Amino acid sequence: MPTAQNQKTDAEAPDPSGSALPVNMTGRGRAAHSNKAGRFESESRELVDDGWGTIDELPPVKTEVQTEVARHVITKNSSPDLPFDRSINPYRGCEHGCIYCFARPTHAYMGLSPGLDFESRLFAKPNAAQVLERELGAPSYQAKPIAIGTNTDPYQPIERTQKIMRGILEVLNKTGHPVTIVTKSALVMRDIDILSEMAERNLAKVAISVTTLDRKIARSLEPRASTPTRRLQAIKALSDAGIPTAVLAAPIIPGLTDHELEGILEVCKEHGASEANYILLRLPREVSELFKEWLLREAPGSYRRVLSLLRSMRDGKDYDAQWTQRFKGKGPYADQLAKRFQLACKSKGLSPRSLKLSCDHFIKPTCGGVQLSLL
């Protein structure tokens, strides 16, 4: 918990007293220490010490996984600043628990908190592969690369036993459908056998997200994600297997991790990355307060600097959702980041452009409930 002195470092600092959970209840490996009700809920609950000292006796929060029977798995979008128009999310919520995750607010649609609930109350779609095969077989379907990992991580810890992502890849490989993957998990190495087959036909590429090379900061920011060292090992293993691999320096946290940009690109290039990109820290809706709570708890001395720099790139706000600006920001500091990235890519031989995958190998599946043509 931040000290009283730390709480006064900013007039807008969140008051953690009403929503913070005891450390023993949040348990190890949790970035969020609060669990405020979602924004659509009419009621909220708070822990209150009644004087008997029973709060400290509450058990740690354990991860719960509920089954969601999916009716559709391909989500379409028309965002002008995204390089893809369709995506798949095998899971809702993410056990990696990254405090900065821009997907946290989506948990409110499930009647749950974007805080601790997001990383502990998860939803899995075990029928995703079967539904995907049906959707790919629709007469009107036209193949374009499907992006996976753009919301929650498909290789989060529960994938080790659920194996939903592997089932999806098996369908995509069988049908010759291109896929792009973003993950911060070394578990992706499990599926090198499928991904390497797809890469031979220019059907797959993987981007490994690296926020920091500092193990201590990574442990606190993204407590159940793979360590920076394991992610570098994943880059090397994927690259050695002939799978196009990119490094995604994301998110860049100004005043905390931005000084690592060149170092991240350099070490990832040494491990086999061929492409690179970066994304500025995004704090939509509830993520803003959650991240501020984390800053006060884990890096109170950086609180004012981080927010000042971020707001200088977001028109004075914590977040600006405008197209083309939400990923990179604007203003002098944002321009400086962009120039540093361009120079680093050039000097280290990393391509800032994304490899175009092939759609020429796609063959519509003839099962999964699709009615075949009689002609």
Protein backbone atom coordinates (compact mmCIF):
# COMPACT_ATOMS: atom_id res chain seq x y z
CA MET A 1 0.00 0.00 0.00
CA PRO A 2 1.29 3.51 -0.75
CA THR A 3 2.22 5.72 2.16
CA ALA A 4 0.29 8.88 2.97
CA GLN A 5 3.17 10.87 1.51
CA ASN A 6 2.99 8.95 -1.75
CA GLN A 7 -0.76 9.44 -1.98
CA LYS A 8 -0.20 13.20 -2.03
CA THR A 9 2.11 13.14 -5.03
CA ASP A 10 -0.80 13.97 -7.34
CA ALA A 11 -4.14 15.62 -6.69
CA GLU A 12 -5.81 13.05 -8.92
CA ALA A 13 -4.24 10.01 -7.27
CA PRO A 14 -6.85 7.28 -6.70
CA ASP A 15 -7.88 6.58 -3.13
CA PRO A 16 -7.12 2.88 -2.65
CA SER A 17 -8.76 2.66 0.78
CA GLY A 18 -12.23 1.81 -0.47
CA SER A 19 -11.41 -0.91 -3.02
CA ALA A 20 -8.07 -2.44 -2.13
CA LEU A 21 -8.08 -6.07 -1.06
CA PRO A 22 -5.73 -7.50 1.57
CA VAL A 23 -2.48 -8.73 0.04
CA ASN A 24 -3.07 -12.24 1.37
CA MET A 25 -6.41 -12.32 -0.47
CA THR A 26 -5.12 -11.18 -3.84
CA GLY A 27 -2.41 -13.82 -3.59
CA ARG A 28 0.88 -14.05 -5.41
CA GLY A 29 0.97 -13.29 -9.10
CA ARG A 30 -1.84 -10.73 -9.18
CA ALA A 31 -1.25 -7.24 -10.57
CA ALA A 32 -4.64 -5.79 -9.61
CA HIS A 33 -5.20 -5.34 -5.89
CA SER A 34 -8.72 -3.95 -6.24
CA ASN A 35 -11.95 -5.36 -7.60
CA LYS A 36 -14.45 -2.56 -8.09
CA ALA A 37 -17.78 -3.53 -9.64
CA GLY A 38 -18.12 -3.13 -13.39
CA ARG A 39 -19.40 0.16 -14.75
CA PHE A 40 -22.79 -1.34 -15.70
CA GLU A 41 -23.57 -2.64 -12.22
CA SER A 42 -26.11 -0.78 -10.06
CA GLU A 43 -24.51 -1.97 -6.82
CA SER A 44 -20.95 -2.19 -5.53
CA ARG A 45 -19.41 -4.00 -2.56
CA GLU A 46 -16.51 -3.10 -0.33
CA LEU A 47 -14.65 -5.06 2.31
CA VAL A 48 -15.14 -3.54 5.75
CA ASP A 49 -13.19 -4.53 8.84
CA ASP A 50 -15.74 -5.10 11.62
CA GLY A 51 -13.05 -5.12 14.27
CA TRP A 52 -12.74 -8.89 14.58
CA GLY A 53 -9.71 -9.04 12.29
CA THR A 54 -11.31 -11.62 10.00
CA ILE A 55 -10.37 -9.86 6.73
CA ASP A 56 -6.80 -11.09 7.02
CA GLU A 57 -8.11 -14.65 7.32
CA LEU A 58 -9.77 -14.63 3.90
CA PRO A 59 -8.27 -17.19 1.46
CA PRO A 60 -6.35 -16.07 -1.65
CA VAL A 61 -8.32 -15.56 -4.84
CA LYS A 62 -8.01 -18.61 -7.07
CA THR A 63 -8.44 -18.73 -10.83
CA GLU A 64 -11.87 -19.93 -11.96
CA VAL A 65 -12.58 -21.03 -15.54
CA GLN A 66 -16.11 -21.16 -16.92
CA THR A 67 -17.09 -22.77 -20.19
CA GLU A 68 -18.62 -20.51 -22.81
CA VAL A 69 -20.35 -22.26 -25.70
CA ALA A 70 -19.47 -20.05 -28.66
CA ARG A 71 -21.93 -19.52 -31.50
CA HIS A 72 -19.46 -17.43 -33.52
CA VAL A 73 -15.71 -17.03 -33.11
CA ILE A 74 -14.64 -14.74 -35.95
CA THR A 75 -15.08 -11.09 -34.98
CA LYS A 76 -15.04 -8.50 -37.76
CA ASN A 77 -13.89 -4.88 -37.39
CA SER A 78 -13.67 -1.86 -39.68
CA SER A 79 -11.11 0.17 -37.71
CA PRO A 80 -9.02 2.25 -40.13
CA ASP A 81 -5.85 1.96 -38.02
CA LEU A 82 -5.79 -1.83 -37.64
CA PRO A 83 -3.89 -4.06 -40.11
CA PHE A 84 -6.55 -6.78 -39.91
CA ASP A 85 -10.31 -6.91 -40.28
CA ARG A 86 -11.03 -10.12 -38.36
CA SER A 87 -9.87 -11.77 -35.17
CA ILE A 88 -10.48 -14.68 -32.80
CA ASN A 89 -10.41 -14.62 -29.00
CA PRO A 90 -10.34 -18.14 -27.51
CA TYR A 91 -10.72 -16.72 -23.99
CA ARG A 92 -12.35 -13.89 -22.08
CA GLY A 93 -10.19 -12.48 -19.31
CA CYS A 94 -6.49 -13.25 -19.02
CA GLU A 95 -4.55 -14.90 -16.22
CA HIS A 96 -1.37 -13.09 -17.24
CA GLY A 97 -2.89 -10.23 -15.26
CA CYS A 98 -1.05 -7.39 -17.03
CA ILE A 99 -2.08 -4.29 -15.10
CA TYR A 100 -2.04 -2.15 -18.26
CA CYS A 101 -4.17 -4.49 -20.40
CA PHE A 102 -6.56 -2.43 -22.51
CA ALA A 103 -8.96 -5.42 -22.66
CA ARG A 104 -9.79 -5.23 -18.96
CA PRO A 105 -12.92 -3.04 -19.45
CA THR A 106 -14.53 -5.80 -21.56
CA HIS A 107 -15.05 -7.86 -18.39
CA ALA A 108 -17.70 -5.34 -17.33
CA TYR A 109 -19.90 -6.71 -20.14
CA MET A 110 -19.92 -10.01 -18.24
CA GLY A 111 -21.07 -8.27 -15.03
CA LEU A 112 -17.58 -8.65 -13.57
CA SER A 113 -14.84 -6.31 -12.44
CA PRO A 114 -12.06 -5.19 -14.81
CA GLY A 115 -9.81 -5.48 -11.75
CA LEU A 116 -9.05 -8.76 -10.03
CA ASP A 117 -11.98 -10.54 -11.73
CA PHE A 118 -10.39 -9.99 -15.15
CA GLU A 119 -7.34 -12.06 -14.22
CA SER A 120 -9.05 -14.65 -12.02
CA ARG A 121 -12.55 -15.31 -13.43
CA LEU A 122 -11.97 -16.53 -16.95
CA PHE A 123 -14.13 -17.87 -19.78
CA ALA A 124 -12.94 -20.53 -22.22
CA LYS A 125 -14.51 -21.46 -25.57
CA PRO A 126 -13.74 -25.18 -25.97
CA ASN A 127 -15.85 -25.49 -29.14
CA ALA A 128 -13.98 -22.66 -30.89
CA ALA A 129 -12.23 -24.92 -33.42
CA GLN A 130 -15.48 -26.59 -34.50
CA VAL A 131 -17.29 -23.25 -34.83
CA LEU A 132 -14.35 -21.81 -36.77
CA GLU A 133 -14.45 -24.67 -39.27
CA ARG A 134 -18.15 -24.06 -39.81
CA GLU A 135 -17.63 -20.33 -40.34
CA LEU A 136 -14.74 -20.86 -42.76
CA GLY A 137 -16.99 -23.16 -44.77
CA ALA A 138 -19.74 -20.61 -45.24
CA PRO A 139 -20.37 -20.00 -48.98
CA SER A 140 -19.84 -16.23 -48.60
CA TYR A 141 -16.60 -16.46 -46.64
CA GLN A 142 -13.52 -14.89 -48.25
CA ALA A 143 -10.12 -15.60 -46.73
CA LYS A 144 -8.05 -12.82 -45.16
CA PRO A 145 -5.51 -13.15 -42.34
CA ILE A 146 -7.09 -13.81 -38.96
CA ALA A 147 -5.45 -12.07 -35.99
CA ILE A 148 -5.30 -13.94 -32.67
CA GLY A 149 -4.06 -12.39 -29.43
CA THR A 150 -5.24 -8.86 -30.13
CA ASN A 151 -7.50 -8.80 -27.07
CA THR A 152 -6.50 -11.45 -24.52
CA ASP A 153 -3.52 -13.78 -24.85
CA PRO A 154 -4.34 -17.11 -26.55
CA TYR A 155 -1.35 -18.70 -24.79
CA GLN A 156 -2.23 -17.63 -21.26
CA PRO A 157 -1.59 -20.32 -18.58
CA ILE A 158 -4.93 -22.13 -18.90
CA GLU A 159 -4.18 -22.87 -22.57
CA ARG A 160 -1.69 -25.45 -21.33
CA THR A 161 -4.59 -27.74 -20.41
CA GLN A 162 -7.45 -26.29 -22.48
CA LYS A 163 -5.54 -26.53 -25.81
CA ILE A 164 -8.15 -24.38 -27.55
CA MET A 165 -5.54 -22.40 -29.48
CA ARG A 166 -3.92 -25.57 -30.76
CA GLY A 167 -7.28 -26.79 -32.04
CA ILE A 168 -7.80 -23.48 -33.86
CA LEU A 169 -4.36 -23.74 -35.49
CA GLU A 170 -5.11 -27.29 -36.63
CA VAL A 171 -8.20 -26.02 -38.46
CA LEU A 172 -6.33 -23.09 -40.02
CA ASN A 173 -3.48 -25.35 -41.12
CA LYS A 174 -5.85 -27.90 -42.65
CA THR A 175 -7.75 -25.24 -44.59
CA GLY A 176 -4.67 -23.24 -45.63
CA HIS A 177 -5.88 -20.09 -43.89
CA PRO A 178 -3.38 -17.34 -42.89
CA VAL A 179 -3.03 -16.30 -39.25
CA THR A 180 -1.09 -13.71 -37.24
CA ILE A 181 -0.46 -14.25 -33.53
CA VAL A 182 0.49 -11.86 -30.75
CA THR A 183 1.55 -13.33 -27.42
CA LYS A 184 3.84 -12.76 -24.46
CA SER A 185 3.94 -16.46 -23.58
CA ALA A 186 6.67 -19.00 -24.26
CA LEU A 187 3.90 -21.59 -24.51
CA VAL A 188 3.67 -20.68 -28.19
CA MET A 189 6.72 -22.93 -28.69
CA ARG A 190 4.46 -25.93 -28.07
CA ASP A 191 2.81 -25.31 -31.44
CA ILE A 192 5.97 -24.87 -33.51
CA ASP A 193 5.15 -28.10 -35.35
CA ILE A 194 1.94 -26.61 -36.78
CA LEU A 195 3.24 -23.08 -37.21
CA SER A 196 6.34 -24.21 -39.12
CA GLU A 197 4.16 -26.16 -41.56
CA MET A 198 2.04 -23.08 -42.10
CA ALA A 199 5.08 -20.82 -42.45
CA GLU A 200 6.35 -22.96 -45.34
CA ARG A 201 3.27 -21.78 -47.27
CA ASN A 202 3.51 -18.19 -45.94
CA LEU A 203 0.45 -18.71 -43.76
CA ALA A 204 1.70 -17.76 -40.31
CA LYS A 205 3.74 -15.25 -38.38
CA VAL A 206 4.13 -14.55 -34.67
CA ALA A 207 4.80 -11.35 -32.73
CA ILE A 208 6.23 -11.67 -29.23
CA SER A 209 5.31 -8.78 -26.97
CA VAL A 210 8.17 -7.49 -24.81
CA THR A 211 7.41 -4.70 -22.35
CA THR A 212 10.69 -4.62 -20.46
CA LEU A 213 13.89 -6.61 -20.04
CA ASP A 214 13.87 -5.88 -16.32
CA ARG A 215 12.74 -9.09 -14.62
CA LYS A 216 11.59 -7.28 -11.46
CA ILE A 217 9.41 -4.77 -13.30
CA ALA A 218 8.00 -7.50 -15.56
CA ARG A 219 7.08 -9.62 -12.56
CA SER A 220 5.07 -6.76 -11.12
CA LEU A 221 3.54 -5.44 -14.36
CA GLU A 222 2.58 -8.78 -15.92
CA PRO A 223 2.89 -11.28 -13.05
CA ARG A 224 1.84 -14.52 -14.75
CA ALA A 225 3.29 -13.89 -18.19
CA SER A 226 6.55 -15.51 -19.29
CA THR A 227 9.72 -13.82 -18.07
CA PRO A 228 11.63 -11.61 -20.54
CA THR A 229 14.27 -14.35 -20.86
CA ARG A 230 11.67 -16.97 -21.80
CA ARG A 231 10.18 -14.65 -24.41
CA LEU A 232 13.59 -14.20 -26.00
CA GLN A 233 13.94 -17.97 -26.06
CA ALA A 234 10.58 -18.18 -27.82
CA ILE A 235 11.71 -15.67 -30.46
CA LYS A 236 14.81 -17.75 -31.14
CA ALA A 237 12.94 -21.05 -31.26
CA LEU A 238 10.28 -19.70 -33.63
CA SER A 239 12.85 -18.02 -35.87
CA ASP A 240 15.05 -21.13 -35.98
CA ALA A 241 11.99 -23.11 -37.09
CA GLY A 242 11.50 -20.78 -40.07
CA ILE A 243 8.50 -18.95 -38.64
CA PRO A 244 8.53 -15.18 -39.33
CA THR A 245 8.84 -13.60 -35.89
CA ALA A 246 8.41 -10.00 -34.84
CA VAL A 247 9.03 -8.13 -31.62
CA LEU A 248 6.26 -5.90 -30.35
CA ALA A 249 7.68 -3.41 -27.84
CA ALA A 250 4.44 -2.85 -26.02
CA PRO A 251 3.29 -1.07 -24.18
CA ILE A 252 5.88 1.68 -24.03
CA ILE A 253 5.41 3.29 -20.60
CA PRO A 254 6.90 6.80 -20.72
CA GLY A 255 9.04 7.58 -17.72
CA LEU A 256 9.29 3.92 -16.73
CA THR A 257 10.22 1.63 -19.63
CA ASP A 258 10.66 3.94 -22.64
CA HIS A 259 14.44 4.11 -22.10
CA GLU A 260 14.59 0.38 -22.93
CA LEU A 261 13.23 0.70 -26.47
CA GLU A 262 16.56 0.39 -28.31
CA GLY A 263 17.78 -2.34 -25.98
CA ILE A 264 14.64 -4.43 -26.51
CA LEU A 265 14.91 -4.16 -30.29
CA GLU A 266 18.60 -5.02 -30.24
CA VAL A 267 18.36 -8.15 -28.10
CA CYS A 268 15.27 -9.40 -29.95
CA LYS A 269 17.09 -8.97 -33.28
CA GLU A 270 19.98 -10.99 -31.86
CA HIS A 271 17.51 -13.77 -31.03
CA GLY A 272 16.07 -13.87 -34.55
CA ALA A 273 13.30 -11.28 -34.79
CA SER A 274 12.94 -9.89 -38.32
CA GLU A 275 10.18 -7.29 -37.79
CA ALA A 276 9.36 -4.76 -35.08
CA ASN A 277 6.59 -2.47 -33.92
CA TYR A 278 5.70 -0.56 -30.78
CA ILE A 279 2.56 0.68 -29.03
CA LEU A 280 2.23 3.47 -26.48
CA LEU A 281 0.57 2.71 -23.13
CA ARG A 282 -3.23 2.82 -23.43
CA LEU A 283 -5.44 3.50 -20.40
CA PRO A 284 -9.11 3.25 -21.46
CA ARG A 285 -11.91 3.40 -18.90
CA GLU A 286 -11.16 1.42 -15.70
CA VAL A 287 -7.59 0.67 -16.76
CA SER A 288 -6.61 4.25 -15.91
CA GLU A 289 -7.45 3.91 -12.20
CA LEU A 290 -6.02 0.39 -11.97
CA PHE A 291 -2.72 1.51 -13.48
CA LYS A 292 -2.53 4.52 -11.17
CA GLU A 293 -3.09 2.25 -8.17
CA TRP A 294 -0.25 0.05 -9.41
CA LEU A 295 2.06 3.04 -9.87
CA LEU A 296 1.39 4.27 -6.34
CA ARG A 297 2.06 0.81 -4.95
CA GLU A 298 5.03 -0.31 -7.06
CA ALA A 299 6.70 2.85 -8.40
CA PRO A 300 5.46 5.87 -6.40
CA GLY A 301 8.52 7.92 -7.29
CA SER A 302 7.62 7.68 -10.99
CA TYR A 303 3.92 8.46 -10.59
CA ARG A 304 3.92 12.14 -11.58
CA ARG A 305 6.50 11.76 -14.35
CA VAL A 306 4.74 8.82 -16.02
CA LEU A 307 1.35 10.53 -16.06
CA SER A 308 2.78 13.90 -17.11
CA LEU A 309 4.58 12.40 -20.10
CA LEU A 310 1.61 10.23 -21.05
CA ARG A 311 -0.81 13.15 -20.93
CA SER A 312 1.54 15.23 -23.05
CA MET A 313 0.91 12.67 -25.79
CA ARG A 314 -2.83 12.32 -25.13
CA ASP A 315 -4.09 15.93 -25.32
CA GLY A 316 -3.82 16.30 -21.55
CA LYS A 317 -5.88 13.16 -20.86
CA ASP A 318 -4.98 9.70 -19.60
CA TYR A 319 -6.23 8.26 -22.89
CA ASP A 320 -7.24 9.45 -26.33
CA ALA A 321 -9.14 6.90 -28.43
CA GLN A 322 -8.89 8.76 -31.75
CA TRP A 323 -8.03 6.67 -34.79
CA THR A 324 -4.33 6.67 -35.72
CA GLN A 325 -3.42 8.40 -32.43
CA ARG A 326 -4.42 5.78 -29.85
CA PHE A 327 -1.43 3.53 -30.61
CA LYS A 328 1.38 6.09 -30.93
CA GLY A 329 0.12 9.34 -29.39
CA LYS A 330 1.04 12.79 -30.67
CA GLY A 331 3.19 15.74 -29.69
CA PRO A 332 6.95 16.26 -29.29
CA TYR A 333 7.57 13.29 -27.00
CA ALA A 334 5.55 10.97 -29.25
CA ASP A 335 7.50 12.23 -32.27
CA GLN A 336 10.75 11.54 -30.43
CA LEU A 337 9.66 7.97 -29.68
CA ALA A 338 8.75 7.42 -33.33
CA LYS A 339 12.13 8.72 -34.53
CA ARG A 340 14.00 6.59 -31.98
CA PHE A 341 12.08 3.53 -33.17
CA GLN A 342 12.79 4.24 -36.84
CA LEU A 343 16.50 4.80 -36.22
CA ALA A 344 16.78 1.68 -34.07
CA CYS A 345 15.05 -0.48 -36.69
CA LYS A 346 17.34 0.86 -39.40
CA SER A 347 20.55 0.38 -37.41
CA LYS A 348 19.63 -3.11 -36.22
CA GLY A 349 18.18 -4.40 -39.50
CA LEU A 350 14.59 -4.81 -38.33
CA SER A 351 11.74 -4.23 -40.73
CA PRO A 352 9.01 -1.86 -39.47
CA ARG A 353 6.75 -3.22 -42.20
CA SER A 354 4.64 -6.30 -41.70
CA LEU A 355 5.09 -9.37 -43.89
CA LYS A 356 2.07 -9.96 -46.11
CA LEU A 357 0.69 -13.48 -45.75
CA SER A 358 -0.77 -15.57 -48.55
CA CYS A 359 -4.47 -16.32 -49.01
CA ASP A 360 -3.88 -18.44 -52.11
CA HIS A 361 -3.85 -21.77 -50.27
CA PHE A 362 -7.28 -21.48 -48.68
CA ILE A 363 -9.64 -24.40 -49.25
CA LYS A 364 -13.11 -24.25 -47.76
CA PRO A 365 -13.75 -27.09 -45.30
CA THR A 366 -16.41 -29.57 -46.32
CA CYS A 367 -17.50 -30.50 -42.81
CA GLY A 368 -18.61 -28.68 -39.69
CA GLY A 369 -22.23 -28.44 -40.70
CA VAL A 370 -21.70 -26.67 -44.05
CA GLN A 371 -24.13 -27.73 -46.74
CA LEU A 372 -22.29 -28.68 -49.92
CA SER A 373 -23.35 -27.42 -53.33
CA LEU A 374 -25.04 -29.94 -55.65
CA LEU A 375 -23.46 -28.30 -58.72
